[in-house]
Amino acid sequence: MTIQSDLAEDYGRNTRLLVKHLNGLSHADTLIRPNGTGNCANYILGHLLLCRVEMLALLGQTGAVTEAMLQRYANGAEPVGPDSTDICTLEQLAAWWEPVDRQFLAAIQNASDEAMQRVFTAGTREMPVHRRLHFYFFHEAFHLGQLEILRHLAGKTESLI
């Protein structure tokens, strides 16, 4: 086992759960906001996709989906909801997920030990790349938990895990 194989396995599991959470939801379902103020599934999916693109950049790669295409889903962006007109559809975000996920998992698996140990600055903190990838994993898992609640609000109450 290596850091690379462990991370690829863990992120692959997250993708499988993400697909289950989105299965059967409509675009309108993904715009439901808890209490009218919380994150909706559309924002969470776009945000997670943006984070995957950011991690690809951290691993020295770019893809067909760019950070600029997903800025609507950045931290601090205006909330996404039923009245939002400047967002991607569920179908578009889901279509982008597969190739980004495939490229991201390959980038992790093919990263050298030196690349994983490379120290970079995130905000005011210095850390090795693999620590940042671990943080993003926690962040992604947190948002996946939110998707379960949002799925229930959309009337899909079956147990997924």
N, C-alpha and C. Protein backbone atom coordinates (compact mmCIF):
# COMPACT_ATOMS: atom_id res chain seq x y z
N MET A 1 0.83 -1.18 0.00
CA MET A 1 0.00 0.00 0.00
C MET A 1 0.87 1.25 0.00
N THR A 2 0.45 2.23 -0.78
CA THR A 2 1.16 3.50 -0.84
C THR A 2 0.16 4.63 -0.55
N ILE A 3 0.67 5.79 -0.28
CA ILE A 3 -0.22 6.96 -0.13
C ILE A 3 -1.07 7.10 -1.39
N GLN A 4 -0.42 6.93 -2.54
CA GLN A 4 -1.13 7.10 -3.80
C GLN A 4 -2.27 6.09 -3.95
N SER A 5 -2.00 4.82 -3.68
CA SER A 5 -3.05 3.81 -3.86
C SER A 5 -4.17 3.99 -2.83
N ASP A 6 -3.81 4.36 -1.60
CA ASP A 6 -4.83 4.60 -0.57
C ASP A 6 -5.74 5.77 -0.96
N LEU A 7 -5.14 6.87 -1.40
CA LEU A 7 -5.93 8.03 -1.79
C LEU A 7 -6.82 7.72 -2.99
N ALA A 8 -6.28 7.02 -3.98
CA ALA A 8 -7.07 6.68 -5.16
C ALA A 8 -8.25 5.79 -4.78
N GLU A 9 -8.02 4.84 -3.89
CA GLU A 9 -9.11 3.97 -3.43
C GLU A 9 -10.18 4.78 -2.69
N ASP A 10 -9.74 5.65 -1.79
CA ASP A 10 -10.69 6.44 -1.00
C ASP A 10 -11.49 7.41 -1.87
N TYR A 11 -10.81 8.10 -2.78
CA TYR A 11 -11.53 9.02 -3.67
C TYR A 11 -12.45 8.25 -4.63
N GLY A 12 -12.03 7.07 -5.06
CA GLY A 12 -12.90 6.25 -5.90
C GLY A 12 -14.17 5.86 -5.18
N ARG A 13 -14.06 5.54 -3.89
CA ARG A 13 -15.23 5.22 -3.08
C ARG A 13 -16.15 6.45 -2.98
N ASN A 14 -15.56 7.62 -2.81
CA ASN A 14 -16.38 8.84 -2.76
C ASN A 14 -17.16 9.02 -4.06
N THR A 15 -16.52 8.78 -5.18
CA THR A 15 -17.21 8.93 -6.46
C THR A 15 -18.37 7.95 -6.57
N ARG A 16 -18.16 6.73 -6.15
CA ARG A 16 -19.25 5.74 -6.21
C ARG A 16 -20.43 6.20 -5.34
N LEU A 17 -20.16 6.77 -4.17
CA LEU A 17 -21.22 7.26 -3.31
C LEU A 17 -21.89 8.50 -3.92
N LEU A 18 -21.11 9.37 -4.50
CA LEU A 18 -21.66 10.56 -5.15
C LEU A 18 -22.66 10.16 -6.23
N VAL A 19 -22.29 9.20 -7.05
CA VAL A 19 -23.17 8.74 -8.13
C VAL A 19 -24.48 8.19 -7.54
N LYS A 20 -24.39 7.44 -6.45
CA LYS A 20 -25.60 6.93 -5.79
C LYS A 20 -26.48 8.07 -5.29
N HIS A 21 -25.87 9.07 -4.69
CA HIS A 21 -26.63 10.21 -4.17
C HIS A 21 -27.34 10.98 -5.28
N LEU A 22 -26.74 11.07 -6.43
CA LEU A 22 -27.34 11.84 -7.53
C LEU A 22 -28.34 11.04 -8.35
N ASN A 23 -28.28 9.72 -8.27
CA ASN A 23 -29.13 8.85 -9.07
C ASN A 23 -30.61 9.14 -8.79
N GLY A 24 -31.35 9.42 -9.84
CA GLY A 24 -32.79 9.65 -9.72
C GLY A 24 -33.18 11.07 -9.38
N LEU A 25 -32.20 11.95 -9.14
CA LEU A 25 -32.52 13.35 -8.86
C LEU A 25 -32.68 14.13 -10.17
N SER A 26 -33.57 15.07 -10.17
CA SER A 26 -33.73 15.98 -11.30
C SER A 26 -32.92 17.25 -11.02
N HIS A 27 -32.75 18.06 -12.05
CA HIS A 27 -32.07 19.33 -11.85
C HIS A 27 -32.82 20.15 -10.78
N ALA A 28 -34.14 20.17 -10.84
CA ALA A 28 -34.93 20.91 -9.84
C ALA A 28 -34.68 20.37 -8.44
N ASP A 29 -34.56 19.05 -8.30
CA ASP A 29 -34.26 18.45 -6.99
C ASP A 29 -32.95 18.99 -6.43
N THR A 30 -31.99 19.23 -7.32
CA THR A 30 -30.66 19.65 -6.85
C THR A 30 -30.62 21.12 -6.47
N LEU A 31 -31.74 21.82 -6.62
CA LEU A 31 -31.79 23.22 -6.24
C LEU A 31 -32.50 23.46 -4.92
N ILE A 32 -32.94 22.38 -4.27
CA ILE A 32 -33.58 22.49 -2.96
C ILE A 32 -32.54 22.88 -1.91
N ARG A 33 -32.84 23.95 -1.18
CA ARG A 33 -31.93 24.44 -0.13
C ARG A 33 -32.57 24.20 1.22
N PRO A 34 -31.91 23.49 2.13
CA PRO A 34 -32.49 23.29 3.46
C PRO A 34 -32.73 24.63 4.15
N ASN A 35 -33.93 24.80 4.69
CA ASN A 35 -34.34 26.05 5.34
C ASN A 35 -34.23 27.25 4.42
N GLY A 36 -34.09 27.03 3.13
CA GLY A 36 -33.97 28.12 2.19
C GLY A 36 -32.65 28.86 2.23
N THR A 37 -31.72 28.40 3.07
CA THR A 37 -30.45 29.11 3.22
C THR A 37 -29.21 28.25 3.06
N GLY A 38 -29.34 26.94 3.20
CA GLY A 38 -28.17 26.06 3.14
C GLY A 38 -27.76 25.74 1.71
N ASN A 39 -26.66 25.03 1.60
CA ASN A 39 -26.17 24.61 0.28
C ASN A 39 -27.14 23.64 -0.37
N CYS A 40 -27.34 23.79 -1.65
CA CYS A 40 -28.13 22.82 -2.41
C CYS A 40 -27.18 21.83 -3.08
N ALA A 41 -27.73 20.74 -3.58
CA ALA A 41 -26.91 19.70 -4.21
C ALA A 41 -26.20 20.20 -5.45
N ASN A 42 -26.81 21.12 -6.19
CA ASN A 42 -26.16 21.66 -7.38
C ASN A 42 -24.87 22.38 -6.98
N TYR A 43 -24.95 23.21 -5.94
CA TYR A 43 -23.74 23.90 -5.48
C TYR A 43 -22.70 22.89 -5.01
N ILE A 44 -23.12 21.91 -4.23
CA ILE A 44 -22.16 20.94 -3.68
C ILE A 44 -21.47 20.18 -4.81
N LEU A 45 -22.22 19.73 -5.79
CA LEU A 45 -21.60 19.00 -6.91
C LEU A 45 -20.63 19.89 -7.66
N GLY A 46 -21.03 21.11 -7.98
CA GLY A 46 -20.13 22.03 -8.67
C GLY A 46 -18.90 22.34 -7.83
N HIS A 47 -19.10 22.51 -6.53
CA HIS A 47 -18.00 22.81 -5.61
C HIS A 47 -17.01 21.64 -5.54
N LEU A 48 -17.53 20.42 -5.43
CA LEU A 48 -16.65 19.25 -5.39
C LEU A 48 -15.90 19.09 -6.70
N LEU A 49 -16.55 19.37 -7.80
CA LEU A 49 -15.89 19.30 -9.10
C LEU A 49 -14.78 20.34 -9.18
N LEU A 50 -15.05 21.55 -8.71
CA LEU A 50 -14.02 22.58 -8.66
C LEU A 50 -12.84 22.13 -7.81
N CYS A 51 -13.10 21.51 -6.69
CA CYS A 51 -12.01 21.02 -5.83
C CYS A 51 -11.20 19.94 -6.53
N ARG A 52 -11.85 19.07 -7.29
CA ARG A 52 -11.11 18.05 -8.04
C ARG A 52 -10.20 18.71 -9.08
N VAL A 53 -10.69 19.75 -9.73
CA VAL A 53 -9.89 20.48 -10.71
C VAL A 53 -8.70 21.15 -10.01
N GLU A 54 -8.93 21.73 -8.83
CA GLU A 54 -7.85 22.33 -8.05
C GLU A 54 -6.80 21.29 -7.67
N MET A 55 -7.25 20.09 -7.30
CA MET A 55 -6.30 19.03 -6.94
C MET A 55 -5.51 18.57 -8.15
N LEU A 56 -6.16 18.51 -9.30
CA LEU A 56 -5.43 18.18 -10.53
C LEU A 56 -4.31 19.18 -10.75
N ALA A 57 -4.60 20.46 -10.57
CA ALA A 57 -3.57 21.49 -10.73
C ALA A 57 -2.45 21.30 -9.72
N LEU A 58 -2.80 20.93 -8.51
CA LEU A 58 -1.80 20.66 -7.48
C LEU A 58 -0.88 19.51 -7.90
N LEU A 59 -1.43 18.59 -8.65
CA LEU A 59 -0.66 17.45 -9.15
C LEU A 59 -0.02 17.75 -10.52
N GLY A 60 -0.11 19.01 -10.95
CA GLY A 60 0.57 19.43 -12.18
C GLY A 60 -0.18 19.15 -13.46
N GLN A 61 -1.49 18.97 -13.37
CA GLN A 61 -2.26 18.64 -14.57
C GLN A 61 -3.40 19.63 -14.78
N THR A 62 -3.78 19.77 -16.02
CA THR A 62 -4.98 20.53 -16.39
C THR A 62 -5.84 19.63 -17.25
N GLY A 63 -7.10 19.97 -17.30
CA GLY A 63 -8.01 19.17 -18.11
C GLY A 63 -8.95 20.05 -18.89
N ALA A 64 -9.95 19.43 -19.48
CA ALA A 64 -10.91 20.15 -20.30
C ALA A 64 -11.83 21.02 -19.45
N VAL A 65 -12.05 20.64 -18.20
CA VAL A 65 -12.84 21.44 -17.27
C VAL A 65 -11.86 22.27 -16.46
N THR A 66 -12.09 23.58 -16.40
CA THR A 66 -11.15 24.47 -15.74
C THR A 66 -11.78 25.14 -14.51
N GLU A 67 -10.91 25.70 -13.67
CA GLU A 67 -11.39 26.45 -12.51
C GLU A 67 -12.28 27.60 -12.96
N ALA A 68 -11.92 28.26 -14.05
CA ALA A 68 -12.71 29.39 -14.54
C ALA A 68 -14.14 28.96 -14.88
N MET A 69 -14.32 27.76 -15.39
CA MET A 69 -15.65 27.27 -15.76
C MET A 69 -16.51 27.02 -14.52
N LEU A 70 -15.86 26.87 -13.36
CA LEU A 70 -16.57 26.47 -12.15
C LEU A 70 -16.52 27.53 -11.05
N GLN A 71 -16.12 28.76 -11.39
CA GLN A 71 -16.00 29.80 -10.36
C GLN A 71 -17.32 30.09 -9.65
N ARG A 72 -18.44 29.80 -10.28
CA ARG A 72 -19.74 30.00 -9.64
C ARG A 72 -19.87 29.15 -8.38
N TYR A 73 -19.03 28.13 -8.27
CA TYR A 73 -19.11 27.17 -7.17
C TYR A 73 -17.95 27.31 -6.17
N ALA A 74 -17.25 28.42 -6.23
CA ALA A 74 -16.11 28.66 -5.33
C ALA A 74 -16.60 29.03 -3.93
N ASN A 75 -15.72 28.89 -2.96
CA ASN A 75 -16.03 29.35 -1.61
C ASN A 75 -16.41 30.82 -1.67
N GLY A 76 -17.44 31.17 -0.93
CA GLY A 76 -17.86 32.56 -0.86
C GLY A 76 -18.74 33.02 -2.01
N ALA A 77 -19.04 32.14 -2.95
CA ALA A 77 -19.92 32.52 -4.07
C ALA A 77 -21.33 32.75 -3.55
N GLU A 78 -22.09 33.51 -4.31
CA GLU A 78 -23.50 33.72 -3.97
C GLU A 78 -24.19 32.36 -3.89
N PRO A 79 -25.12 32.20 -2.95
CA PRO A 79 -25.81 30.92 -2.83
C PRO A 79 -26.52 30.53 -4.13
N VAL A 80 -26.55 29.24 -4.39
CA VAL A 80 -27.25 28.68 -5.54
C VAL A 80 -28.62 28.23 -5.05
N GLY A 81 -29.64 28.53 -5.83
CA GLY A 81 -30.98 28.10 -5.47
C GLY A 81 -31.90 28.08 -6.67
N PRO A 82 -33.19 27.87 -6.44
CA PRO A 82 -34.15 27.73 -7.54
C PRO A 82 -34.21 28.91 -8.49
N ASP A 83 -33.84 30.09 -8.03
CA ASP A 83 -33.90 31.28 -8.88
C ASP A 83 -32.58 31.57 -9.60
N SER A 84 -31.56 30.77 -9.37
CA SER A 84 -30.25 31.01 -9.99
C SER A 84 -30.32 30.76 -11.49
N THR A 85 -29.78 31.70 -12.26
CA THR A 85 -29.80 31.56 -13.72
C THR A 85 -28.39 31.41 -14.29
N ASP A 86 -27.38 31.51 -13.44
CA ASP A 86 -25.99 31.48 -13.91
C ASP A 86 -25.25 30.22 -13.47
N ILE A 87 -25.97 29.12 -13.38
CA ILE A 87 -25.38 27.88 -12.89
C ILE A 87 -25.40 26.81 -13.97
N CYS A 88 -24.64 25.77 -13.73
CA CYS A 88 -24.65 24.61 -14.63
C CYS A 88 -25.81 23.71 -14.25
N THR A 89 -26.30 22.97 -15.21
CA THR A 89 -27.35 21.99 -14.91
C THR A 89 -26.73 20.77 -14.24
N LEU A 90 -27.56 20.02 -13.58
CA LEU A 90 -27.12 18.75 -13.00
C LEU A 90 -26.49 17.88 -14.08
N GLU A 91 -27.10 17.85 -15.23
CA GLU A 91 -26.60 17.00 -16.32
C GLU A 91 -25.20 17.42 -16.77
N GLN A 92 -24.97 18.73 -16.85
CA GLN A 92 -23.65 19.22 -17.26
C GLN A 92 -22.60 18.89 -16.21
N LEU A 93 -22.91 19.16 -14.95
CA LEU A 93 -21.95 18.87 -13.88
C LEU A 93 -21.64 17.38 -13.81
N ALA A 94 -22.68 16.56 -13.94
CA ALA A 94 -22.48 15.10 -13.90
C ALA A 94 -21.64 14.63 -15.09
N ALA A 95 -21.87 15.22 -16.26
CA ALA A 95 -21.08 14.86 -17.44
C ALA A 95 -19.62 15.25 -17.26
N TRP A 96 -19.35 16.36 -16.61
CA TRP A 96 -17.98 16.78 -16.36
C TRP A 96 -17.31 15.92 -15.30
N TRP A 97 -18.08 15.39 -14.35
CA TRP A 97 -17.49 14.65 -13.24
C TRP A 97 -16.68 13.45 -13.74
N GLU A 98 -17.24 12.65 -14.63
CA GLU A 98 -16.57 11.40 -15.03
C GLU A 98 -15.17 11.63 -15.59
N PRO A 99 -14.98 12.49 -16.58
CA PRO A 99 -13.61 12.64 -17.10
C PRO A 99 -12.66 13.29 -16.08
N VAL A 100 -13.17 14.22 -15.27
CA VAL A 100 -12.31 14.83 -14.26
C VAL A 100 -11.91 13.78 -13.22
N ASP A 101 -12.87 12.98 -12.79
CA ASP A 101 -12.59 11.92 -11.82
C ASP A 101 -11.56 10.93 -12.37
N ARG A 102 -11.75 10.50 -13.60
CA ARG A 102 -10.84 9.53 -14.22
C ARG A 102 -9.41 10.11 -14.28
N GLN A 103 -9.30 11.37 -14.71
CA GLN A 103 -7.98 12.01 -14.80
C GLN A 103 -7.37 12.20 -13.41
N PHE A 104 -8.20 12.59 -12.46
CA PHE A 104 -7.72 12.82 -11.10
C PHE A 104 -7.20 11.53 -10.46
N LEU A 105 -7.95 10.45 -10.56
CA LEU A 105 -7.50 9.19 -9.98
C LEU A 105 -6.21 8.71 -10.63
N ALA A 106 -6.11 8.87 -11.94
CA ALA A 106 -4.87 8.48 -12.63
C ALA A 106 -3.71 9.36 -12.18
N ALA A 107 -3.97 10.66 -11.99
CA ALA A 107 -2.90 11.57 -11.55
C ALA A 107 -2.39 11.19 -10.17
N ILE A 108 -3.30 10.79 -9.29
CA ILE A 108 -2.87 10.35 -7.96
C ILE A 108 -2.05 9.07 -8.07
N GLN A 109 -2.57 8.10 -8.80
CA GLN A 109 -1.88 6.81 -8.91
C GLN A 109 -0.52 6.94 -9.56
N ASN A 110 -0.37 7.89 -10.48
CA ASN A 110 0.89 8.06 -11.19
C ASN A 110 1.83 9.06 -10.56
N ALA A 111 1.41 9.71 -9.49
CA ALA A 111 2.26 10.70 -8.83
C ALA A 111 3.44 10.01 -8.17
N SER A 112 4.60 10.57 -8.33
CA SER A 112 5.79 10.03 -7.67
C SER A 112 5.75 10.35 -6.18
N ASP A 113 6.54 9.61 -5.44
CA ASP A 113 6.66 9.90 -4.01
C ASP A 113 7.17 11.32 -3.80
N GLU A 114 8.07 11.75 -4.66
CA GLU A 114 8.61 13.12 -4.55
C GLU A 114 7.51 14.15 -4.78
N ALA A 115 6.64 13.89 -5.75
CA ALA A 115 5.54 14.81 -6.02
C ALA A 115 4.59 14.89 -4.82
N MET A 116 4.36 13.77 -4.17
CA MET A 116 3.46 13.75 -3.01
C MET A 116 4.09 14.45 -1.80
N GLN A 117 5.40 14.45 -1.72
CA GLN A 117 6.10 15.08 -0.59
C GLN A 117 6.43 16.55 -0.85
N ARG A 118 6.23 17.01 -2.10
CA ARG A 118 6.55 18.40 -2.43
C ARG A 118 5.78 19.34 -1.52
N VAL A 119 6.50 20.28 -0.93
CA VAL A 119 5.88 21.25 -0.02
C VAL A 119 5.43 22.46 -0.82
N PHE A 120 4.22 22.92 -0.54
CA PHE A 120 3.69 24.11 -1.18
C PHE A 120 2.96 24.92 -0.12
N THR A 121 2.58 26.12 -0.47
CA THR A 121 1.89 27.00 0.47
C THR A 121 0.41 27.06 0.13
N ALA A 122 -0.42 26.81 1.14
CA ALA A 122 -1.89 26.93 1.01
C ALA A 122 -2.31 27.99 2.02
N GLY A 123 -2.64 29.16 1.53
CA GLY A 123 -2.95 30.26 2.43
C GLY A 123 -1.68 30.70 3.14
N THR A 124 -1.66 30.51 4.45
CA THR A 124 -0.48 30.86 5.24
C THR A 124 0.27 29.63 5.72
N ARG A 125 -0.19 28.45 5.30
CA ARG A 125 0.42 27.21 5.77
C ARG A 125 1.22 26.54 4.68
N GLU A 126 2.34 25.97 5.09
CA GLU A 126 3.11 25.11 4.19
C GLU A 126 2.79 23.67 4.54
N MET A 127 2.67 22.85 3.51
CA MET A 127 2.37 21.44 3.73
C MET A 127 2.76 20.64 2.50
N PRO A 128 2.99 19.33 2.68
CA PRO A 128 3.24 18.50 1.51
C PRO A 128 1.93 18.24 0.76
N VAL A 129 2.06 17.99 -0.52
CA VAL A 129 0.90 17.76 -1.38
C VAL A 129 -0.01 16.68 -0.80
N HIS A 130 0.55 15.58 -0.31
CA HIS A 130 -0.31 14.49 0.17
C HIS A 130 -1.17 14.93 1.35
N ARG A 131 -0.71 15.85 2.18
CA ARG A 131 -1.53 16.35 3.30
C ARG A 131 -2.69 17.17 2.76
N ARG A 132 -2.47 17.94 1.74
CA ARG A 132 -3.55 18.73 1.14
C ARG A 132 -4.59 17.81 0.51
N LEU A 133 -4.13 16.75 -0.13
CA LEU A 133 -5.06 15.78 -0.71
C LEU A 133 -5.88 15.10 0.38
N HIS A 134 -5.27 14.84 1.54
CA HIS A 134 -6.01 14.27 2.67
C HIS A 134 -7.05 15.26 3.18
N PHE A 135 -6.70 16.55 3.24
CA PHE A 135 -7.69 17.54 3.66
C PHE A 135 -8.86 17.57 2.69
N TYR A 136 -8.56 17.61 1.40
CA TYR A 136 -9.63 17.63 0.41
C TYR A 136 -10.52 16.38 0.54
N PHE A 137 -9.94 15.25 0.92
CA PHE A 137 -10.74 14.04 1.10
C PHE A 137 -11.74 14.25 2.23
N PHE A 138 -11.27 14.79 3.36
CA PHE A 138 -12.17 15.10 4.47
C PHE A 138 -13.28 16.05 4.00
N HIS A 139 -12.88 17.08 3.28
CA HIS A 139 -13.82 18.09 2.78
C HIS A 139 -14.87 17.45 1.88
N GLU A 140 -14.43 16.57 1.01
CA GLU A 140 -15.35 15.89 0.09
C GLU A 140 -16.32 15.00 0.87
N ALA A 141 -15.81 14.26 1.86
CA ALA A 141 -16.66 13.37 2.65
C ALA A 141 -17.71 14.18 3.42
N PHE A 142 -17.33 15.34 3.93
CA PHE A 142 -18.27 16.21 4.63
C PHE A 142 -19.43 16.57 3.70
N HIS A 143 -19.11 17.01 2.49
CA HIS A 143 -20.15 17.40 1.55
C HIS A 143 -20.98 16.21 1.07
N LEU A 144 -20.39 15.03 1.01
CA LEU A 144 -21.17 13.85 0.63
C LEU A 144 -22.25 13.57 1.69
N GLY A 145 -21.93 13.80 2.96
CA GLY A 145 -22.93 13.66 4.00
C GLY A 145 -24.08 14.64 3.82
N GLN A 146 -23.77 15.85 3.39
CA GLN A 146 -24.82 16.82 3.11
C GLN A 146 -25.73 16.35 1.98
N LEU A 147 -25.14 15.69 0.99
CA LEU A 147 -25.94 15.22 -0.15
C LEU A 147 -26.98 14.20 0.28
N GLU A 148 -26.67 13.39 1.28
CA GLU A 148 -27.67 12.43 1.75
C GLU A 148 -28.89 13.15 2.30
N ILE A 149 -28.67 14.19 3.09
CA ILE A 149 -29.78 14.96 3.65
C ILE A 149 -30.57 15.64 2.52
N LEU A 150 -29.87 16.21 1.56
CA LEU A 150 -30.55 16.88 0.45
C LEU A 150 -31.34 15.89 -0.39
N ARG A 151 -30.82 14.69 -0.54
CA ARG A 151 -31.54 13.64 -1.27
C ARG A 151 -32.86 13.33 -0.55
N HIS A 152 -32.80 13.25 0.76
CA HIS A 152 -34.02 12.99 1.54
C HIS A 152 -35.02 14.13 1.37
N LEU A 153 -34.54 15.38 1.36
CA LEU A 153 -35.44 16.52 1.17
C LEU A 153 -36.12 16.47 -0.20
N ALA A 154 -35.47 15.83 -1.16
CA ALA A 154 -36.05 15.69 -2.51
C ALA A 154 -36.97 14.47 -2.59
N GLY A 155 -37.19 13.79 -1.45
CA GLY A 155 -38.12 12.67 -1.43
C GLY A 155 -37.51 11.31 -1.71
N LYS A 156 -36.20 11.24 -1.82
CA LYS A 156 -35.51 9.96 -2.06
C LYS A 156 -34.94 9.49 -0.72
N THR A 157 -35.65 8.56 -0.07
CA THR A 157 -35.31 8.23 1.31
C THR A 157 -34.70 6.85 1.50
N GLU A 158 -34.42 6.15 0.42
CA GLU A 158 -33.81 4.83 0.56
C GLU A 158 -32.40 4.94 1.15
N SER A 159 -31.99 3.89 1.83
CA SER A 159 -30.65 3.87 2.41
C SER A 159 -29.62 3.55 1.34
N LEU A 160 -28.54 4.35 1.25
CA LEU A 160 -27.53 4.14 0.21
C LEU A 160 -26.28 3.46 0.73
N ILE A 161 -25.97 3.63 2.00
CA ILE A 161 -24.80 2.94 2.56
C ILE A 161 -25.15 2.31 3.88
